[in-house]
Amino acid sequence: MSTTTLPPTEKTQPVAAPRGTISDRSRAERRLGWLLAGPAFVVMLLVTAYPILQAVWYSLFNYRLTDPENRSFRGLGNYAVILSDGLWWQALLVTVFITVVTVVVELVLGFALALVMAKALSSIRPVVRAAILIPYAVITVVSAFAWAFAFRIETGFVNSWFAWLPGIAADTDWFGGQWTSLLVICLAEIWKTTPFISLLILAGLAQVPEVLQEAAKVDGASWWQRMWRVTIPNMKAAIMVALLFRTLDAFRIFDSIFIMTAGANGTESVSFLAYRQTIARVEIGLGSAVSVLLFLSVVLIAFIFIKGFRIDLAQARGEG
């Protein structure tokens, strides 16, 4: 009995997209993403573009709201006045100080809280996550008032509770000096926004493949070695997003300063300076110039973060 066989056929390899191009699937996903996010993007662009362009336009004029008839064109004169004034540089230094201190502390605490939420027992995990996220649900103004009442001599309890510590007495005025005022402001910001950092880092921890952790354990790596060589390298994108968002938010700090010190004792930030020039002094031209400089600073920070980390954010979505 003879058997018939089909002639051997050559195996064909899958055709890969040329380097530097995207596949049809990626192109379709990108098109769908624009269709879904496009309307919201257009609305946000219209809502934000008009105030920015209006601020740029007003910043070119000597314009006081109480004397609109005498508005005159100054060009870049307002920017020259601001950049040559020591008040701007002091506000900028205060803003940078608050940003660096709060973001660094929040990153460390947020990472620790994210590990706690990730390793908690499944039965109590929802309760732990809800408890950690409660401060972030509190309105910033409410949080600022609570911390102000806690540290004020007339209404606070901090002095009586911690009077046993060196440097703290019943009559310690926390809002009477620059550094103590900045300390309270930083504490309020850290308490309020650390949960936000921990939530983003928790999402990054979920993207670390467990098989890599198991392989590192088999190789005899310690917990610290696994953290530095496995966990952190595989969640750099999540860390960058957390740092970027929180840095941009901290650099625009206004609420806590307005409630606690109203900019007194050298605690004025760039946002508060823009508020004081525009609202309190009704100097629309100078205030708009400060706002434009604040906007450019935020753009510069975002550019430094994105270029400095050199990370493709597509990694966060699992694209290859």
Protein backbone atom coordinates (compact mmCIF):
# COMPACT_ATOMS: atom_id res chain seq x y z
CA MET A 1 0.00 0.00 0.00
CA SER A 2 1.49 3.20 -1.10
CA THR A 3 1.05 6.52 0.61
CA THR A 4 1.02 9.88 -0.99
CA THR A 5 2.56 12.86 0.64
CA LEU A 6 2.34 16.48 -0.21
CA PRO A 7 5.50 18.08 -1.46
CA PRO A 8 7.36 19.90 1.26
CA THR A 9 6.52 23.55 1.52
CA GLU A 10 8.82 26.27 2.57
CA LYS A 11 8.15 27.73 5.97
CA THR A 12 7.38 31.38 5.82
CA GLN A 13 8.48 33.67 8.58
CA PRO A 14 6.12 36.37 9.81
CA VAL A 15 6.74 39.64 8.12
CA ALA A 16 7.81 42.27 10.59
CA ALA A 17 7.16 45.92 10.13
CA PRO A 18 10.19 47.83 8.93
CA ARG A 19 12.17 49.50 11.64
CA GLY A 20 11.00 53.00 12.33
CA THR A 21 7.39 52.30 11.26
CA ILE A 22 4.35 51.23 13.23
CA SER A 23 2.14 48.24 12.56
CA ASP A 24 -1.45 48.45 11.36
CA ARG A 25 -2.67 47.40 14.81
CA SER A 26 -0.70 50.14 16.55
CA ARG A 27 -1.92 52.64 13.97
CA ALA A 28 -5.54 51.57 14.57
CA GLU A 29 -5.11 51.81 18.35
CA ARG A 30 -3.60 55.25 18.01
CA ARG A 31 -6.48 56.37 15.78
CA LEU A 32 -9.02 55.01 18.28
CA GLY A 33 -7.22 56.79 21.11
CA TRP A 34 -7.43 60.11 19.29
CA LEU A 35 -11.10 59.56 18.54
CA LEU A 36 -11.85 58.86 22.20
CA ALA A 37 -9.65 61.55 23.71
CA GLY A 38 -9.93 64.10 20.90
CA PRO A 39 -13.10 65.91 22.04
CA ALA A 40 -11.85 66.27 25.62
CA PHE A 41 -8.45 67.40 24.33
CA VAL A 42 -10.04 70.09 22.15
CA VAL A 43 -12.19 71.36 25.04
CA MET A 44 -9.19 71.51 27.40
CA LEU A 45 -7.12 73.24 24.76
CA LEU A 46 -9.78 75.90 24.26
CA VAL A 47 -10.27 76.36 28.01
CA THR A 48 -6.55 76.66 28.78
CA ALA A 49 -5.26 78.32 25.61
CA TYR A 50 -7.37 81.46 25.94
CA PRO A 51 -6.22 82.39 29.49
CA ILE A 52 -2.59 81.69 28.58
CA LEU A 53 -2.74 83.82 25.44
CA GLN A 54 -4.60 86.56 27.30
CA ALA A 55 -1.94 86.54 30.05
CA VAL A 56 0.82 86.80 27.46
CA TRP A 57 -1.00 89.72 25.83
CA TYR A 58 -1.61 91.60 29.10
CA SER A 59 1.99 91.04 30.18
CA LEU A 60 3.14 93.30 27.35
CA PHE A 61 1.23 96.31 28.75
CA ASN A 62 1.47 98.63 31.70
CA TYR A 63 -2.09 97.88 32.77
CA ARG A 64 -3.64 98.66 36.13
CA LEU A 65 -7.24 97.59 36.61
CA THR A 66 -8.19 100.77 38.48
CA ASP A 67 -6.84 102.92 35.64
CA PRO A 68 -7.68 101.12 32.40
CA GLU A 69 -7.67 104.31 30.31
CA ASN A 70 -3.92 104.81 30.77
CA ARG A 71 -2.90 101.37 29.55
CA SER A 72 0.31 101.59 27.54
CA PHE A 73 2.42 99.12 25.63
CA ARG A 74 5.68 98.16 27.37
CA GLY A 75 6.84 95.13 25.41
CA LEU A 76 9.12 93.06 27.61
CA GLY A 77 9.43 95.82 30.19
CA ASN A 78 7.33 93.97 32.79
CA TYR A 79 9.57 90.93 32.50
CA ALA A 80 12.66 93.11 32.97
CA VAL A 81 11.15 94.63 36.13
CA ILE A 82 10.30 91.23 37.58
CA LEU A 83 13.58 89.52 36.77
CA SER A 84 15.56 92.43 38.21
CA ASP A 85 13.57 92.47 41.46
CA GLY A 86 14.86 90.47 44.42
CA LEU A 87 11.27 89.67 45.44
CA TRP A 88 10.88 87.40 42.40
CA TRP A 89 14.04 85.47 43.16
CA GLN A 90 13.12 85.10 46.81
CA ALA A 91 9.70 83.72 45.85
CA LEU A 92 11.35 81.40 43.35
CA LEU A 93 13.79 80.07 45.96
CA VAL A 94 10.97 79.48 48.44
CA THR A 95 8.99 77.64 45.77
CA VAL A 96 11.96 75.47 44.80
CA PHE A 97 12.69 74.71 48.47
CA ILE A 98 9.12 73.61 49.19
CA THR A 99 9.01 71.58 45.98
CA VAL A 100 12.28 69.71 46.59
CA VAL A 101 11.61 68.96 50.27
CA THR A 102 8.03 67.80 49.82
CA VAL A 103 8.63 65.73 46.69
CA VAL A 104 11.66 63.90 48.11
CA VAL A 105 9.93 63.07 51.41
CA GLU A 106 6.72 62.09 49.66
CA LEU A 107 8.61 59.77 47.30
CA VAL A 108 10.22 57.89 50.19
CA LEU A 109 7.03 57.69 52.25
CA GLY A 110 4.89 56.93 49.20
CA PHE A 111 7.16 54.07 48.19
CA ALA A 112 6.93 52.61 51.71
CA LEU A 113 3.14 52.94 51.76
CA ALA A 114 2.89 51.38 48.29
CA LEU A 115 4.86 48.36 49.52
CA VAL A 116 2.52 48.08 52.51
CA MET A 117 -0.55 48.19 50.28
CA ALA A 118 0.96 45.68 47.84
CA LYS A 119 1.98 43.20 50.54
CA ALA A 120 -1.07 43.52 52.78
CA LEU A 121 -3.29 40.51 53.27
CA SER A 122 -6.04 40.27 50.68
CA SER A 123 -8.70 40.35 53.42
CA ILE A 124 -7.59 43.72 54.81
CA ARG A 125 -6.06 45.20 51.64
CA PRO A 126 -9.11 47.34 50.73
CA VAL A 127 -9.26 48.76 54.26
CA VAL A 128 -5.53 49.55 54.27
CA ARG A 129 -5.71 51.28 50.88
CA ALA A 130 -8.77 53.31 51.88
CA ALA A 131 -7.14 54.43 55.14
CA ILE A 132 -3.95 55.51 53.36
CA LEU A 133 -5.85 57.44 50.68
CA ILE A 134 -8.06 59.39 53.12
CA PRO A 135 -5.74 62.45 53.39
CA TYR A 136 -5.72 62.84 49.61
CA ALA A 137 -9.52 63.01 49.63
CA VAL A 138 -9.46 66.02 51.97
CA ILE A 139 -9.76 69.38 50.23
CA THR A 140 -6.47 71.30 50.30
CA VAL A 141 -8.03 74.36 51.96
CA VAL A 142 -9.56 72.21 54.69
CA SER A 143 -6.23 70.47 55.24
CA ALA A 144 -4.42 73.83 55.45
CA PHE A 145 -6.90 75.16 58.02
CA ALA A 146 -6.56 71.99 60.11
CA TRP A 147 -2.76 72.21 60.19
CA ALA A 148 -2.89 75.95 60.89
CA PHE A 149 -5.22 75.45 63.85
CA ALA A 150 -3.01 72.64 65.16
CA PHE A 151 0.16 74.81 65.19
CA ARG A 152 -1.24 78.17 66.24
CA ILE A 153 -0.66 79.26 69.82
CA GLU A 154 -4.29 80.21 70.43
CA THR A 155 -5.96 77.09 69.06
CA GLY A 156 -3.25 74.46 68.60
CA PHE A 157 -2.30 71.39 70.54
CA VAL A 158 1.17 70.78 69.08
CA ASN A 159 2.97 72.92 71.67
CA SER A 160 1.31 71.19 74.61
CA TRP A 161 1.78 67.70 73.21
CA PHE A 162 5.42 68.10 72.21
CA ALA A 163 6.63 70.50 74.87
CA TRP A 164 9.00 67.77 76.10
CA LEU A 165 11.05 68.08 72.90
CA PRO A 166 13.98 70.54 72.84
CA GLY A 167 13.11 73.84 71.19
CA ILE A 168 9.33 73.49 71.67
CA ALA A 169 7.54 75.36 74.44
CA ALA A 170 3.99 76.37 75.24
CA ASP A 171 4.56 79.78 73.63
CA THR A 172 6.38 78.61 70.49
CA ASP A 173 5.11 80.66 67.56
CA TRP A 174 5.42 78.37 64.54
CA PHE A 175 4.23 81.10 62.16
CA GLY A 176 6.50 83.78 63.62
CA GLY A 177 9.57 82.93 61.51
CA GLN A 178 10.39 81.85 58.00
CA TRP A 179 11.85 78.38 58.62
CA THR A 180 9.24 77.26 61.14
CA SER A 181 6.47 78.51 58.84
CA LEU A 182 7.98 76.63 55.89
CA LEU A 183 8.25 73.52 58.07
CA VAL A 184 4.54 73.55 58.84
CA ILE A 185 3.67 74.24 55.21
CA CYS A 186 5.84 71.33 54.05
CA LEU A 187 4.32 69.01 56.68
CA ALA A 188 0.82 69.90 55.52
CA GLU A 189 1.72 69.27 51.88
CA ILE A 190 3.44 65.96 52.68
CA TRP A 191 0.49 64.70 54.70
CA LYS A 192 -1.97 65.72 52.00
CA THR A 193 -0.29 64.41 48.84
CA THR A 194 1.82 61.41 49.91
CA PRO A 195 -1.15 59.10 49.17
CA PHE A 196 -1.14 60.37 45.58
CA ILE A 197 2.50 59.33 45.17
CA SER A 198 1.84 55.97 46.80
CA LEU A 199 -1.09 55.29 44.47
CA LEU A 200 1.01 55.88 41.36
CA ILE A 201 3.91 53.82 42.69
CA LEU A 202 1.52 51.02 43.61
CA ALA A 203 0.47 50.90 39.94
CA GLY A 204 4.14 50.64 39.01
CA LEU A 205 4.72 47.80 41.48
CA ALA A 206 1.89 45.85 39.87
CA GLN A 207 3.77 45.97 36.54
CA VAL A 208 6.90 44.25 37.90
CA PRO A 209 6.74 40.58 36.74
CA GLU A 210 6.62 38.22 39.70
CA VAL A 211 8.74 35.72 37.78
CA LEU A 212 11.67 38.11 37.98
CA GLN A 213 11.31 38.34 41.75
CA GLU A 214 11.21 34.54 42.05
CA ALA A 215 14.27 34.17 39.82
CA ALA A 216 16.17 36.67 41.96
CA LYS A 217 15.23 34.75 45.10
CA VAL A 218 16.48 31.52 43.57
CA ASP A 219 19.78 33.26 42.76
CA GLY A 220 20.11 34.19 46.43
CA ALA A 221 19.47 37.91 46.09
CA SER A 222 18.53 39.72 49.29
CA TRP A 223 15.45 41.91 49.65
CA TRP A 224 17.55 45.04 49.16
CA GLN A 225 19.23 43.62 46.05
CA ARG A 226 15.88 42.64 44.56
CA MET A 227 14.57 46.14 45.24
CA TRP A 228 17.46 47.93 43.50
CA ARG A 229 18.13 45.48 40.66
CA VAL A 230 14.67 44.12 39.87
CA THR A 231 11.83 46.22 41.26
CA ILE A 232 13.00 49.80 40.69
CA PRO A 233 14.49 49.27 37.17
CA ASN A 234 11.17 47.78 36.02
CA MET A 235 9.04 50.65 37.33
CA LYS A 236 11.08 53.68 36.30
CA ALA A 237 8.26 54.93 34.10
CA ALA A 238 5.80 54.90 37.02
CA ILE A 239 8.30 56.67 39.27
CA MET A 240 8.93 59.30 36.61
CA VAL A 241 5.20 59.95 36.18
CA ALA A 242 4.71 60.24 39.95
CA LEU A 243 7.66 62.62 40.33
CA LEU A 244 6.63 64.71 37.32
CA PHE A 245 2.99 65.15 38.35
CA ARG A 246 3.82 65.87 41.99
CA THR A 247 6.65 68.28 41.14
CA LEU A 248 4.44 70.29 38.81
CA ASP A 249 1.72 70.38 41.47
CA ALA A 250 4.12 71.36 44.28
CA PHE A 251 5.72 74.10 42.20
CA ARG A 252 2.31 75.79 41.90
CA ILE A 253 1.66 75.77 45.68
CA PHE A 254 -0.74 78.49 46.80
CA ASP A 255 -3.53 77.26 49.11
CA SER A 256 -1.46 76.30 52.15
CA ILE A 257 0.58 79.50 52.04
CA PHE A 258 -2.53 81.64 51.62
CA ILE A 259 -4.27 80.04 54.62
CA MET A 260 -1.32 79.71 57.00
CA THR A 261 0.88 82.77 56.48
CA ALA A 262 -0.62 84.86 53.66
CA GLY A 263 2.93 85.15 52.32
CA ALA A 264 4.34 86.72 55.50
CA ASN A 265 7.82 86.01 56.95
CA GLY A 266 9.36 85.26 53.57
CA THR A 267 7.01 82.40 52.68
CA GLU A 268 5.66 83.87 49.45
CA SER A 269 5.70 81.47 46.50
CA VAL A 270 5.62 82.31 42.80
CA SER A 271 1.90 81.57 42.60
CA PHE A 272 1.23 83.77 45.61
CA LEU A 273 3.32 86.54 44.05
CA ALA A 274 1.19 86.35 40.91
CA TYR A 275 -1.96 86.48 43.06
CA ARG A 276 -0.73 89.49 45.04
CA GLN A 277 0.24 91.45 41.92
CA THR A 278 -2.95 90.63 40.03
CA ILE A 279 -5.65 90.55 42.74
CA ALA A 280 -4.34 92.59 45.68
CA ARG A 281 -2.52 95.31 43.73
CA VAL A 282 -4.64 94.98 40.55
CA GLU A 283 -1.44 95.27 38.49
CA ILE A 284 -2.71 93.19 35.59
CA GLY A 285 0.41 93.70 33.49
CA LEU A 286 2.94 92.67 36.15
CA GLY A 287 0.72 89.90 37.46
CA SER A 288 0.27 88.46 33.99
CA ALA A 289 4.03 88.54 33.44
CA VAL A 290 4.56 86.60 36.69
CA SER A 291 1.94 84.08 35.57
CA VAL A 292 3.67 83.64 32.21
CA LEU A 293 7.02 83.08 33.94
CA LEU A 294 5.36 80.51 36.19
CA PHE A 295 3.94 78.74 33.14
CA LEU A 296 7.34 78.70 31.43
CA SER A 297 8.92 77.31 34.60
CA VAL A 298 6.41 74.47 34.68
CA VAL A 299 7.07 73.68 31.01
CA LEU A 300 10.82 73.69 31.69
CA ILE A 301 10.40 71.29 34.62
CA ALA A 302 8.35 68.90 32.49
CA PHE A 303 10.96 69.03 29.71
CA ILE A 304 13.82 68.32 32.15
CA PHE A 305 11.99 65.37 33.67
CA ILE A 306 11.09 63.76 30.35
CA LYS A 307 14.53 64.24 28.81
CA GLY A 308 16.42 63.52 32.03
CA PHE A 309 14.86 60.13 32.69
CA ARG A 310 15.11 59.11 29.01
CA ILE A 311 12.19 56.70 29.37
CA ASP A 312 9.58 55.84 26.80
CA LEU A 313 6.23 56.24 28.52
CA ALA A 314 4.85 53.52 26.21
CA GLN A 315 6.56 51.07 28.58
CA ALA A 316 3.88 51.87 31.11
CA ARG A 317 1.27 50.49 28.71
CA GLY A 318 3.23 47.34 28.05
CA GLU A 319 4.00 48.12 24.41
CA GLY A 320 6.98 46.43 22.86
